[in-house]
Structures are given as C-alpha cells and as structure tokens.
Amino acid sequence: LLVFRDAPLSKALNQVVESGCLIVELAYTSGYAVFDEYEAFSTQSAKK
C-alpha cells in the first residue's frame, strides 16, 4: 500500500481493486508511511 502514499485506507483499498490486485500488503514503514504507533496496531484497528 505504500504505492498510494498517505491516502486514507478506504481510498487505497478501492484503488487496489481498480488495479486488479486481490492481495494486499499493509505497510507501516517509519519515514515512508504516516501512522500512530499505538493506534495503528490496536485490536480495534485490525478489526476495522
């Protein structure tokens, strides 16, 4: 998902579908993706 830069997850996943791909690699790389360390890896976030 780094290919979509800082796009919201819903938009990024819609673009994955548009690209024709079916499998996603979620991306959390400091310096390349913006995310909150504790919120991003919470159970609530995973379920969503």
ModelCIF file with pLDDT and N, C-alpha, C, O atoms, coordinates in Angstrom:
data_MODEL
#
_entry.id   MODEL 
#
_entity.id                         1 
_entity.type                       polymer 
_entity.pdbx_number_of_molecules   1 
#
_entity_poly.entity_id                      1 
_entity_poly.type                           'polypeptide(L)' 
_entity_poly.nstd_linkage                   no 
_entity_poly.nstd_monomer                   no 
_entity_poly.pdbx_seq_one_letter_code       LLVFRDAPLSKALNQVVESGCLIVELAYTSGYAVFDEYEAFSTQSAKK 
_entity_poly.pdbx_seq_one_letter_code_can   LLVFRDAPLSKALNQVVESGCLIVELAYTSGYAVFDEYEAFSTQSAKK 
_entity_poly.pdbx_strand_id                 A 
#
loop_
_entity_poly_seq.entity_id 
_entity_poly_seq.num 
_entity_poly_seq.mon_id 
_entity_poly_seq.hetero 
1 1  LEU n 
1 2  LEU n 
1 3  VAL n 
1 4  PHE n 
1 5  ARG n 
1 6  ASP n 
1 7  ALA n 
1 8  PRO n 
1 9  LEU n 
1 10 SER n 
1 11 LYS n 
1 12 ALA n 
1 13 LEU n 
1 14 ASN n 
1 15 GLN n 
1 16 VAL n 
1 17 VAL n 
1 18 GLU n 
1 19 SER n 
1 20 GLY n 
1 21 CYS n 
1 22 LEU n 
1 23 ILE n 
1 24 VAL n 
1 25 GLU n 
1 26 LEU n 
1 27 ALA n 
1 28 TYR n 
1 29 THR n 
1 30 SER n 
1 31 GLY n 
1 32 TYR n 
1 33 ALA n 
1 34 VAL n 
1 35 PHE n 
1 36 ASP n 
1 37 GLU n 
1 38 TYR n 
1 39 GLU n 
1 40 ALA n 
1 41 PHE n 
1 42 SER n 
1 43 THR n 
1 44 GLN n 
1 45 SER n 
1 46 ALA n 
1 47 LYS n 
1 48 LYS n 
#
_struct_asym.id          A 
_struct_asym.entity_id   1 
#
loop_
_ma_qa_metric.id 
_ma_qa_metric.mode 
_ma_qa_metric.name 
_ma_qa_metric.software_group_id 
_ma_qa_metric.type 
1 global pLDDT . pLDDT 
2 local  pLDDT . pLDDT 
#
_ma_qa_metric_global.metric_id      1 
_ma_qa_metric_global.metric_value   88.00 
_ma_qa_metric_global.model_id       1 
_ma_qa_metric_global.ordinal_id     1 
#
loop_
_ma_qa_metric_local.label_asym_id 
_ma_qa_metric_local.label_comp_id 
_ma_qa_metric_local.label_seq_id 
_ma_qa_metric_local.metric_id 
_ma_qa_metric_local.metric_value 
_ma_qa_metric_local.model_id 
_ma_qa_metric_local.ordinal_id 
A LEU 1  2 94.00 1 1  
A LEU 2  2 91.00 1 2  
A VAL 3  2 93.00 1 3  
A PHE 4  2 92.00 1 4  
A ARG 5  2 83.00 1 5  
A ASP 6  2 81.00 1 6  
A ALA 7  2 85.00 1 7  
A PRO 8  2 89.00 1 8  
A LEU 9  2 91.00 1 9  
A SER 10 2 92.00 1 10 
A LYS 11 2 94.00 1 11 
A ALA 12 2 94.00 1 12 
A LEU 13 2 96.00 1 13 
A ASN 14 2 96.00 1 14 
A GLN 15 2 95.00 1 15 
A VAL 16 2 96.00 1 16 
A VAL 17 2 96.00 1 17 
A GLU 18 2 96.00 1 18 
A SER 19 2 95.00 1 19 
A GLY 20 2 95.00 1 20 
A CYS 21 2 95.00 1 21 
A LEU 22 2 96.00 1 22 
A ILE 23 2 96.00 1 23 
A VAL 24 2 96.00 1 24 
A GLU 25 2 96.00 1 25 
A LEU 26 2 95.00 1 26 
A ALA 27 2 92.00 1 27 
A TYR 28 2 89.00 1 28 
A THR 29 2 78.00 1 29 
A SER 30 2 68.00 1 30 
A GLY 31 2 64.00 1 31 
A TYR 32 2 68.00 1 32 
A ALA 33 2 66.00 1 33 
A VAL 34 2 67.00 1 34 
A PHE 35 2 69.00 1 35 
A ASP 36 2 76.00 1 36 
A GLU 37 2 78.00 1 37 
A TYR 38 2 79.00 1 38 
A GLU 39 2 84.00 1 39 
A ALA 40 2 86.00 1 40 
A PHE 41 2 90.00 1 41 
A SER 42 2 91.00 1 42 
A THR 43 2 93.00 1 43 
A GLN 44 2 91.00 1 44 
A SER 45 2 93.00 1 45 
A ALA 46 2 95.00 1 46 
A LYS 47 2 95.00 1 47 
A LYS 48 2 94.00 1 48 
#
loop_
_atom_site.group_PDB 
_atom_site.id 
_atom_site.type_symbol 
_atom_site.label_atom_id 
_atom_site.label_alt_id 
_atom_site.label_comp_id 
_atom_site.label_asym_id 
_atom_site.label_entity_id 
_atom_site.label_seq_id 
_atom_site.pdbx_PDB_ins_code 
_atom_site.Cartn_x 
_atom_site.Cartn_y 
_atom_site.Cartn_z 
_atom_site.occupancy 
_atom_site.B_iso_or_equiv 
_atom_site.pdbx_formal_charge 
_atom_site.auth_seq_id 
_atom_site.auth_comp_id 
_atom_site.auth_asym_id 
_atom_site.auth_atom_id 
_atom_site.pdbx_PDB_model_num 
ATOM 1   N N  . LEU A 1 1  ? 0.797   -1.230 0.000   1.00 94.00 ? 1  LEU A N  1 
ATOM 2   C CA . LEU A 1 1  ? 0.000   0.000  0.000   1.00 94.00 ? 1  LEU A CA 1 
ATOM 3   C C  . LEU A 1 1  ? 0.829   1.279  0.000   1.00 94.00 ? 1  LEU A C  1 
ATOM 4   O O  . LEU A 1 1  ? 0.267   2.366  -0.131  1.00 94.00 ? 1  LEU A O  1 
ATOM 5   N N  . LEU A 1 2  ? 2.160   1.180  0.144   1.00 91.00 ? 2  LEU A N  1 
ATOM 6   C CA . LEU A 1 2  ? 2.988   2.385  0.075   1.00 91.00 ? 2  LEU A CA 1 
ATOM 7   C C  . LEU A 1 2  ? 2.860   3.106  -1.262  1.00 91.00 ? 2  LEU A C  1 
ATOM 8   O O  . LEU A 1 2  ? 3.126   4.304  -1.354  1.00 91.00 ? 2  LEU A O  1 
ATOM 9   N N  . VAL A 1 3  ? 2.455   2.380  -2.290  1.00 93.00 ? 3  VAL A N  1 
ATOM 10  C CA . VAL A 1 3  ? 2.315   2.990  -3.617  1.00 93.00 ? 3  VAL A CA 1 
ATOM 11  C C  . VAL A 1 3  ? 1.279   4.110  -3.606  1.00 93.00 ? 3  VAL A C  1 
ATOM 12  O O  . VAL A 1 3  ? 1.321   5.007  -4.449  1.00 93.00 ? 3  VAL A O  1 
ATOM 13  N N  . PHE A 1 4  ? 0.349   4.058  -2.648  1.00 92.00 ? 4  PHE A N  1 
ATOM 14  C CA . PHE A 1 4  ? -0.701  5.070  -2.584  1.00 92.00 ? 4  PHE A CA 1 
ATOM 15  C C  . PHE A 1 4  ? -0.371  6.203  -1.617  1.00 92.00 ? 4  PHE A C  1 
ATOM 16  O O  . PHE A 1 4  ? -1.240  6.999  -1.260  1.00 92.00 ? 4  PHE A O  1 
ATOM 17  N N  . ARG A 1 5  ? 0.875   6.267  -1.204  1.00 83.00 ? 5  ARG A N  1 
ATOM 18  C CA . ARG A 1 5  ? 1.382   7.334  -0.354  1.00 83.00 ? 5  ARG A CA 1 
ATOM 19  C C  . ARG A 1 5  ? 0.572   7.426  0.934   1.00 83.00 ? 5  ARG A C  1 
ATOM 20  O O  . ARG A 1 5  ? 0.456   6.427  1.643   1.00 83.00 ? 5  ARG A O  1 
ATOM 21  N N  . ASP A 1 6  ? 0.012   8.577  1.260   1.00 81.00 ? 6  ASP A N  1 
ATOM 22  C CA . ASP A 1 6  ? -0.723  8.774  2.519   1.00 81.00 ? 6  ASP A CA 1 
ATOM 23  C C  . ASP A 1 6  ? -2.228  8.758  2.311   1.00 81.00 ? 6  ASP A C  1 
ATOM 24  O O  . ASP A 1 6  ? -2.964  9.342  3.107   1.00 81.00 ? 6  ASP A O  1 
ATOM 25  N N  . ALA A 1 7  ? -2.695  8.106  1.269   1.00 85.00 ? 7  ALA A N  1 
ATOM 26  C CA . ALA A 1 7  ? -4.137  8.048  1.002   1.00 85.00 ? 7  ALA A CA 1 
ATOM 27  C C  . ALA A 1 7  ? -4.862  7.349  2.145   1.00 85.00 ? 7  ALA A C  1 
ATOM 28  O O  . ALA A 1 7  ? -4.320  6.405  2.719   1.00 85.00 ? 7  ALA A O  1 
ATOM 29  N N  . PRO A 1 8  ? -6.066  7.782  2.491   1.00 89.00 ? 8  PRO A N  1 
ATOM 30  C CA . PRO A 1 8  ? -6.858  7.068  3.506   1.00 89.00 ? 8  PRO A CA 1 
ATOM 31  C C  . PRO A 1 8  ? -7.035  5.612  3.100   1.00 89.00 ? 8  PRO A C  1 
ATOM 32  O O  . PRO A 1 8  ? -7.046  5.292  1.911   1.00 89.00 ? 8  PRO A O  1 
ATOM 33  N N  . LEU A 1 9  ? -7.174  4.731  4.085   1.00 91.00 ? 9  LEU A N  1 
ATOM 34  C CA . LEU A 1 9  ? -7.237  3.304  3.811   1.00 91.00 ? 9  LEU A CA 1 
ATOM 35  C C  . LEU A 1 9  ? -8.365  2.958  2.841   1.00 91.00 ? 9  LEU A C  1 
ATOM 36  O O  . LEU A 1 9  ? -8.169  2.148  1.935   1.00 91.00 ? 9  LEU A O  1 
ATOM 37  N N  . SER A 1 10 ? -9.532  3.554  3.016   1.00 92.00 ? 10 SER A N  1 
ATOM 38  C CA . SER A 1 10 ? -10.661 3.222  2.147   1.00 92.00 ? 10 SER A CA 1 
ATOM 39  C C  . SER A 1 10 ? -10.347 3.543  0.692   1.00 92.00 ? 10 SER A C  1 
ATOM 40  O O  . SER A 1 10 ? -10.672 2.762  -0.202  1.00 92.00 ? 10 SER A O  1 
ATOM 41  N N  . LYS A 1 11 ? -9.715  4.695  0.451   1.00 94.00 ? 11 LYS A N  1 
ATOM 42  C CA . LYS A 1 11 ? -9.352  5.065  -0.914  1.00 94.00 ? 11 LYS A CA 1 
ATOM 43  C C  . LYS A 1 11 ? -8.275  4.121  -1.456  1.00 94.00 ? 11 LYS A C  1 
ATOM 44  O O  . LYS A 1 11 ? -8.355  3.675  -2.600  1.00 94.00 ? 11 LYS A O  1 
ATOM 45  N N  . ALA A 1 12 ? -7.272  3.820  -0.633  1.00 94.00 ? 12 ALA A N  1 
ATOM 46  C CA . ALA A 1 12 ? -6.189  2.932  -1.074  1.00 94.00 ? 12 ALA A CA 1 
ATOM 47  C C  . ALA A 1 12 ? -6.736  1.560  -1.451  1.00 94.00 ? 12 ALA A C  1 
ATOM 48  O O  . ALA A 1 12 ? -6.337  0.996  -2.470  1.00 94.00 ? 12 ALA A O  1 
ATOM 49  N N  . LEU A 1 13 ? -7.639  1.021  -0.647  1.00 96.00 ? 13 LEU A N  1 
ATOM 50  C CA . LEU A 1 13 ? -8.186  -0.304 -0.946  1.00 96.00 ? 13 LEU A CA 1 
ATOM 51  C C  . LEU A 1 13 ? -9.063  -0.275 -2.193  1.00 96.00 ? 13 LEU A C  1 
ATOM 52  O O  . LEU A 1 13 ? -9.087  -1.240 -2.956  1.00 96.00 ? 13 LEU A O  1 
ATOM 53  N N  . ASN A 1 14 ? -9.780  0.819  -2.403  1.00 96.00 ? 14 ASN A N  1 
ATOM 54  C CA . ASN A 1 14 ? -10.557 0.952  -3.641  1.00 96.00 ? 14 ASN A CA 1 
ATOM 55  C C  . ASN A 1 14 ? -9.637  0.969  -4.859  1.00 96.00 ? 14 ASN A C  1 
ATOM 56  O O  . ASN A 1 14 ? -9.976  0.432  -5.913  1.00 96.00 ? 14 ASN A O  1 
ATOM 57  N N  . GLN A 1 15 ? -8.466  1.593  -4.700  1.00 95.00 ? 15 GLN A N  1 
ATOM 58  C CA . GLN A 1 15 ? -7.504  1.634  -5.806  1.00 95.00 ? 15 GLN A CA 1 
ATOM 59  C C  . GLN A 1 15 ? -6.842  0.281  -6.028  1.00 95.00 ? 15 GLN A C  1 
ATOM 60  O O  . GLN A 1 15 ? -6.477  -0.053 -7.155  1.00 95.00 ? 15 GLN A O  1 
ATOM 61  N N  . VAL A 1 16 ? -6.684  -0.496 -4.965  1.00 96.00 ? 16 VAL A N  1 
ATOM 62  C CA . VAL A 1 16 ? -6.201  -1.875 -5.128  1.00 96.00 ? 16 VAL A CA 1 
ATOM 63  C C  . VAL A 1 16 ? -7.165  -2.644 -6.016  1.00 96.00 ? 16 VAL A C  1 
ATOM 64  O O  . VAL A 1 16 ? -6.750  -3.336 -6.946  1.00 96.00 ? 16 VAL A O  1 
ATOM 65  N N  . VAL A 1 17 ? -8.444  -2.521 -5.727  1.00 96.00 ? 17 VAL A N  1 
ATOM 66  C CA . VAL A 1 17 ? -9.472  -3.193 -6.533  1.00 96.00 ? 17 VAL A CA 1 
ATOM 67  C C  . VAL A 1 17 ? -9.411  -2.704 -7.976  1.00 96.00 ? 17 VAL A C  1 
ATOM 68  O O  . VAL A 1 17 ? -9.490  -3.504 -8.909  1.00 96.00 ? 17 VAL A O  1 
ATOM 69  N N  . GLU A 1 18 ? -9.268  -1.381 -8.163  1.00 96.00 ? 18 GLU A N  1 
ATOM 70  C CA . GLU A 1 18 ? -9.203  -0.809 -9.507  1.00 96.00 ? 18 GLU A CA 1 
ATOM 71  C C  . GLU A 1 18 ? -7.993  -1.336 -10.272 1.00 96.00 ? 18 GLU A C  1 
ATOM 72  O O  . GLU A 1 18 ? -8.052  -1.508 -11.490 1.00 96.00 ? 18 GLU A O  1 
ATOM 73  N N  . SER A 1 19 ? -6.906  -1.590 -9.567  1.00 95.00 ? 19 SER A N  1 
ATOM 74  C CA . SER A 1 19 ? -5.686  -2.069 -10.208 1.00 95.00 ? 19 SER A CA 1 
ATOM 75  C C  . SER A 1 19 ? -5.778  -3.537 -10.616 1.00 95.00 ? 19 SER A C  1 
ATOM 76  O O  . SER A 1 19 ? -4.961  -4.024 -11.398 1.00 95.00 ? 19 SER A O  1 
ATOM 77  N N  . GLY A 1 20 ? -6.763  -4.228 -10.087 1.00 95.00 ? 20 GLY A N  1 
ATOM 78  C CA . GLY A 1 20 ? -6.948  -5.641 -10.421 1.00 95.00 ? 20 GLY A CA 1 
ATOM 79  C C  . GLY A 1 20 ? -6.280  -6.605 -9.469  1.00 95.00 ? 20 GLY A C  1 
ATOM 80  O O  . GLY A 1 20 ? -6.342  -7.817 -9.675  1.00 95.00 ? 20 GLY A O  1 
ATOM 81  N N  . CYS A 1 21 ? -5.637  -6.090 -8.421  1.00 95.00 ? 21 CYS A N  1 
ATOM 82  C CA . CYS A 1 21 ? -4.978  -6.958 -7.444  1.00 95.00 ? 21 CYS A CA 1 
ATOM 83  C C  . CYS A 1 21 ? -5.988  -7.465 -6.411  1.00 95.00 ? 21 CYS A C  1 
ATOM 84  O O  . CYS A 1 21 ? -7.003  -6.818 -6.154  1.00 95.00 ? 21 CYS A O  1 
ATOM 85  N N  . LEU A 1 22 ? -5.700  -8.617 -5.830  1.00 96.00 ? 22 LEU A N  1 
ATOM 86  C CA . LEU A 1 22 ? -6.595  -9.219 -4.850  1.00 96.00 ? 22 LEU A CA 1 
ATOM 87  C C  . LEU A 1 22 ? -5.962  -9.357 -3.469  1.00 96.00 ? 22 LEU A C  1 
ATOM 88  O O  . LEU A 1 22 ? -6.663  -9.548 -2.475  1.00 96.00 ? 22 LEU A O  1 
ATOM 89  N N  . ILE A 1 23 ? -4.630  -9.260 -3.410  1.00 96.00 ? 23 ILE A N  1 
ATOM 90  C CA . ILE A 1 23 ? -3.909  -9.463 -2.151  1.00 96.00 ? 23 ILE A CA 1 
ATOM 91  C C  . ILE A 1 23 ? -3.201  -8.167 -1.768  1.00 96.00 ? 23 ILE A C  1 
ATOM 92  O O  . ILE A 1 23 ? -2.553  -7.527 -2.596  1.00 96.00 ? 23 ILE A O  1 
ATOM 93  N N  . VAL A 1 24 ? -3.338  -7.796 -0.503  1.00 96.00 ? 24 VAL A N  1 
ATOM 94  C CA . VAL A 1 24 ? -2.805  -6.530 -0.004  1.00 96.00 ? 24 VAL A CA 1 
ATOM 95  C C  . VAL A 1 24 ? -1.644  -6.786 0.949   1.00 96.00 ? 24 VAL A C  1 
ATOM 96  O O  . VAL A 1 24 ? -1.694  -7.690 1.783   1.00 96.00 ? 24 VAL A O  1 
ATOM 97  N N  . GLU A 1 25 ? -0.601  -5.975 0.812   1.00 96.00 ? 25 GLU A N  1 
ATOM 98  C CA . GLU A 1 25 ? 0.452   -5.935 1.827   1.00 96.00 ? 25 GLU A CA 1 
ATOM 99  C C  . GLU A 1 25 ? 0.314   -4.607 2.562   1.00 96.00 ? 25 GLU A C  1 
ATOM 100 O O  . GLU A 1 25 ? 0.656   -3.551 2.028   1.00 96.00 ? 25 GLU A O  1 
ATOM 101 N N  . LEU A 1 26 ? -0.184  -4.670 3.780   1.00 95.00 ? 26 LEU A N  1 
ATOM 102 C CA . LEU A 1 26 ? -0.313  -3.471 4.598   1.00 95.00 ? 26 LEU A CA 1 
ATOM 103 C C  . LEU A 1 26 ? 1.081   -2.936 4.907   1.00 95.00 ? 26 LEU A C  1 
ATOM 104 O O  . LEU A 1 26 ? 2.014   -3.710 5.120   1.00 95.00 ? 26 LEU A O  1 
ATOM 105 N N  . ALA A 1 27 ? 1.221   -1.611 4.930   1.00 92.00 ? 27 ALA A N  1 
ATOM 106 C CA . ALA A 1 27 ? 2.563   -1.019 5.007   1.00 92.00 ? 27 ALA A CA 1 
ATOM 107 C C  . ALA A 1 27 ? 2.659   0.009  6.138   1.00 92.00 ? 27 ALA A C  1 
ATOM 108 O O  . ALA A 1 27 ? 1.924   0.996  6.178   1.00 92.00 ? 27 ALA A O  1 
ATOM 109 N N  . TYR A 1 28 ? 3.585   -0.258 7.044   1.00 89.00 ? 28 TYR A N  1 
ATOM 110 C CA . TYR A 1 28 ? 3.853   0.640  8.176   1.00 89.00 ? 28 TYR A CA 1 
ATOM 111 C C  . TYR A 1 28 ? 5.367   0.783  8.315   1.00 89.00 ? 28 TYR A C  1 
ATOM 112 O O  . TYR A 1 28 ? 5.988   0.135  9.157   1.00 89.00 ? 28 TYR A O  1 
ATOM 113 N N  . THR A 1 29 ? 5.942   1.629  7.491   1.00 78.00 ? 29 THR A N  1 
ATOM 114 C CA . THR A 1 29 ? 7.384   1.828  7.493   1.00 78.00 ? 29 THR A CA 1 
ATOM 115 C C  . THR A 1 29 ? 7.678   3.271  7.888   1.00 78.00 ? 29 THR A C  1 
ATOM 116 O O  . THR A 1 29 ? 7.342   4.199  7.153   1.00 78.00 ? 29 THR A O  1 
ATOM 117 N N  . SER A 1 30 ? 8.293   3.457  9.025   1.00 68.00 ? 30 SER A N  1 
ATOM 118 C CA . SER A 1 30 ? 8.590   4.801  9.516   1.00 68.00 ? 30 SER A CA 1 
ATOM 119 C C  . SER A 1 30 ? 9.406   5.577  8.488   1.00 68.00 ? 30 SER A C  1 
ATOM 120 O O  . SER A 1 30 ? 10.382  5.065  7.940   1.00 68.00 ? 30 SER A O  1 
ATOM 121 N N  . GLY A 1 31 ? 8.998   6.812  8.237   1.00 64.00 ? 31 GLY A N  1 
ATOM 122 C CA . GLY A 1 31 ? 9.671   7.645  7.258   1.00 64.00 ? 31 GLY A CA 1 
ATOM 123 C C  . GLY A 1 31 ? 9.015   7.613  5.901   1.00 64.00 ? 31 GLY A C  1 
ATOM 124 O O  . GLY A 1 31 ? 9.189   8.537  5.107   1.00 64.00 ? 31 GLY A O  1 
ATOM 125 N N  . TYR A 1 32 ? 8.255   6.553  5.616   1.00 68.00 ? 32 TYR A N  1 
ATOM 126 C CA . TYR A 1 32 ? 7.575   6.416  4.335   1.00 68.00 ? 32 TYR A CA 1 
ATOM 127 C C  . TYR A 1 32 ? 6.058   6.406  4.486   1.00 68.00 ? 32 TYR A C  1 
ATOM 128 O O  . TYR A 1 32 ? 5.343   6.762  3.549   1.00 68.00 ? 32 TYR A O  1 
ATOM 129 N N  . ALA A 1 33 ? 5.565   6.008  5.641   1.00 66.00 ? 33 ALA A N  1 
ATOM 130 C CA . ALA A 1 33 ? 4.131   5.998  5.913   1.00 66.00 ? 33 ALA A CA 1 
ATOM 131 C C  . ALA A 1 33 ? 3.875   6.759  7.211   1.00 66.00 ? 33 ALA A C  1 
ATOM 132 O O  . ALA A 1 33 ? 4.678   6.702  8.142   1.00 66.00 ? 33 ALA A O  1 
ATOM 133 N N  . VAL A 1 34 ? 2.764   7.464  7.263   1.00 67.00 ? 34 VAL A N  1 
ATOM 134 C CA . VAL A 1 34 ? 2.384   8.235  8.451   1.00 67.00 ? 34 VAL A CA 1 
ATOM 135 C C  . VAL A 1 34 ? 1.386   7.416  9.257   1.00 67.00 ? 34 VAL A C  1 
ATOM 136 O O  . VAL A 1 34 ? 0.323   7.058  8.751   1.00 67.00 ? 34 VAL A O  1 
ATOM 137 N N  . PHE A 1 35 ? 1.719   7.122  10.495  1.00 69.00 ? 35 PHE A N  1 
ATOM 138 C CA . PHE A 1 35 ? 0.802   6.371  11.346  1.00 69.00 ? 35 PHE A CA 1 
ATOM 139 C C  . PHE A 1 35 ? 1.155   6.581  12.809  1.00 69.00 ? 35 PHE A C  1 
ATOM 140 O O  . PHE A 1 35 ? 2.293   6.898  13.154  1.00 69.00 ? 35 PHE A O  1 
ATOM 141 N N  . ASP A 1 36 ? 0.156   6.398  13.658  1.00 76.00 ? 36 ASP A N  1 
ATOM 142 C CA . ASP A 1 36 ? 0.349   6.461  15.099  1.00 76.00 ? 36 ASP A CA 1 
ATOM 143 C C  . ASP A 1 36 ? 0.691   5.057  15.592  1.00 76.00 ? 36 ASP A C  1 
ATOM 144 O O  . ASP A 1 36 ? -0.081  4.120  15.389  1.00 76.00 ? 36 ASP A O  1 
ATOM 145 N N  . GLU A 1 37 ? 1.824   4.917  16.226  1.00 78.00 ? 37 GLU A N  1 
ATOM 146 C CA . GLU A 1 37 ? 2.360   3.618  16.626  1.00 78.00 ? 37 GLU A CA 1 
ATOM 147 C C  . GLU A 1 37 ? 1.361   2.780  17.425  1.00 78.00 ? 37 GLU A C  1 
ATOM 148 O O  . GLU A 1 37 ? 1.253   1.575  17.196  1.00 78.00 ? 37 GLU A O  1 
ATOM 149 N N  . TYR A 1 38 ? 0.638   3.387  18.349  1.00 79.00 ? 38 TYR A N  1 
ATOM 150 C CA . TYR A 1 38 ? -0.221  2.626  19.252  1.00 79.00 ? 38 TYR A CA 1 
ATOM 151 C C  . TYR A 1 38 ? -1.614  2.415  18.664  1.00 79.00 ? 38 TYR A C  1 
ATOM 152 O O  . TYR A 1 38 ? -2.215  1.358  18.853  1.00 79.00 ? 38 TYR A O  1 
ATOM 153 N N  . GLU A 1 39 ? -2.117  3.399  17.967  1.00 84.00 ? 39 GLU A N  1 
ATOM 154 C CA . GLU A 1 39 ? -3.435  3.265  17.352  1.00 84.00 ? 39 GLU A CA 1 
ATOM 155 C C  . GLU A 1 39 ? -3.409  2.297  16.177  1.00 84.00 ? 39 GLU A C  1 
ATOM 156 O O  . GLU A 1 39 ? -4.329  1.497  16.005  1.00 84.00 ? 39 GLU A O  1 
ATOM 157 N N  . ALA A 1 40 ? -2.345  2.371  15.363  1.00 86.00 ? 40 ALA A N  1 
ATOM 158 C CA . ALA A 1 40 ? -2.283  1.571  14.133  1.00 86.00 ? 40 ALA A CA 1 
ATOM 159 C C  . ALA A 1 40 ? -2.340  0.079  14.409  1.00 86.00 ? 40 ALA A C  1 
ATOM 160 O O  . ALA A 1 40 ? -2.959  -0.658 13.641  1.00 86.00 ? 40 ALA A O  1 
ATOM 161 N N  . PHE A 1 41 ? -1.708  -0.393 15.489  1.00 90.00 ? 41 PHE A N  1 
ATOM 162 C CA . PHE A 1 41 ? -1.600  -1.823 15.740  1.00 90.00 ? 41 PHE A CA 1 
ATOM 163 C C  . PHE A 1 41 ? -2.553  -2.303 16.840  1.00 90.00 ? 41 PHE A C  1 
ATOM 164 O O  . PHE A 1 41 ? -2.324  -3.341 17.460  1.00 90.00 ? 41 PHE A O  1 
ATOM 165 N N  . SER A 1 42 ? -3.605  -1.548 17.069  1.00 91.00 ? 42 SER A N  1 
ATOM 166 C CA . SER A 1 42 ? -4.594  -1.929 18.069  1.00 91.00 ? 42 SER A CA 1 
ATOM 167 C C  . SER A 1 42 ? -5.535  -3.000 17.521  1.00 91.00 ? 42 SER A C  1 
ATOM 168 O O  . SER A 1 42 ? -5.657  -3.169 16.307  1.00 91.00 ? 42 SER A O  1 
ATOM 169 N N  . THR A 1 43 ? -6.194  -3.716 18.417  1.00 93.00 ? 43 THR A N  1 
ATOM 170 C CA . THR A 1 43 ? -7.190  -4.710 18.010  1.00 93.00 ? 43 THR A CA 1 
ATOM 171 C C  . THR A 1 43 ? -8.330  -4.056 17.255  1.00 93.00 ? 43 THR A C  1 
ATOM 172 O O  . THR A 1 43 ? -8.835  -4.614 16.281  1.00 93.00 ? 43 THR A O  1 
ATOM 173 N N  . GLN A 1 44 ? -8.739  -2.872 17.699  1.00 91.00 ? 44 GLN A N  1 
ATOM 174 C CA . GLN A 1 44 ? -9.818  -2.145 17.030  1.00 91.00 ? 44 GLN A CA 1 
ATOM 175 C C  . GLN A 1 44 ? -9.442  -1.827 15.578  1.00 91.00 ? 44 GLN A C  1 
ATOM 176 O O  . GLN A 1 44 ? -10.256 -1.996 14.670  1.00 91.00 ? 44 GLN A O  1 
ATOM 177 N N  . SER A 1 45 ? -8.213  -1.369 15.368  1.00 93.00 ? 45 SER A N  1 
ATOM 178 C CA . SER A 1 45 ? -7.737  -1.063 14.023  1.00 93.00 ? 45 SER A CA 1 
ATOM 179 C C  . SER A 1 45 ? -7.706  -2.321 13.163  1.00 93.00 ? 45 SER A C  1 
ATOM 180 O O  . SER A 1 45 ? -8.115  -2.289 12.002  1.00 93.00 ? 45 SER A O  1 
ATOM 181 N N  . ALA A 1 46 ? -7.225  -3.425 13.724  1.00 95.00 ? 46 ALA A N  1 
ATOM 182 C CA . ALA A 1 46 ? -7.139  -4.687 12.974  1.00 95.00 ? 46 ALA A CA 1 
ATOM 183 C C  . ALA A 1 46 ? -8.518  -5.154 12.535  1.00 95.00 ? 46 ALA A C  1 
ATOM 184 O O  . ALA A 1 46 ? -8.693  -5.589 11.397  1.00 95.00 ? 46 ALA A O  1 
ATOM 185 N N  . LYS A 1 47 ? -9.498  -5.067 13.428  1.00 95.00 ? 47 LYS A N  1 
ATOM 186 C CA . LYS A 1 47 ? -10.861 -5.489 13.094  1.00 95.00 ? 47 LYS A CA 1 
ATOM 187 C C  . LYS A 1 47 ? -11.440 -4.630 11.973  1.00 95.00 ? 47 LYS A C  1 
ATOM 188 O O  . LYS A 1 47 ? -12.101 -5.136 11.065  1.00 95.00 ? 47 LYS A O  1 
ATOM 189 N N  . LYS A 1 48 ? -11.184 -3.328 12.048  1.00 94.00 ? 48 LYS A N  1 
ATOM 190 C CA . LYS A 1 48 ? -11.690 -2.405 11.027  1.00 94.00 ? 48 LYS A CA 1 
ATOM 191 C C  . LYS A 1 48 ? -11.068 -2.721 9.663   1.00 94.00 ? 48 LYS A C  1 
ATOM 192 O O  . LYS A 1 48 ? -11.372 -2.050 8.677   1.00 94.00 ? 48 LYS A O  1 
#
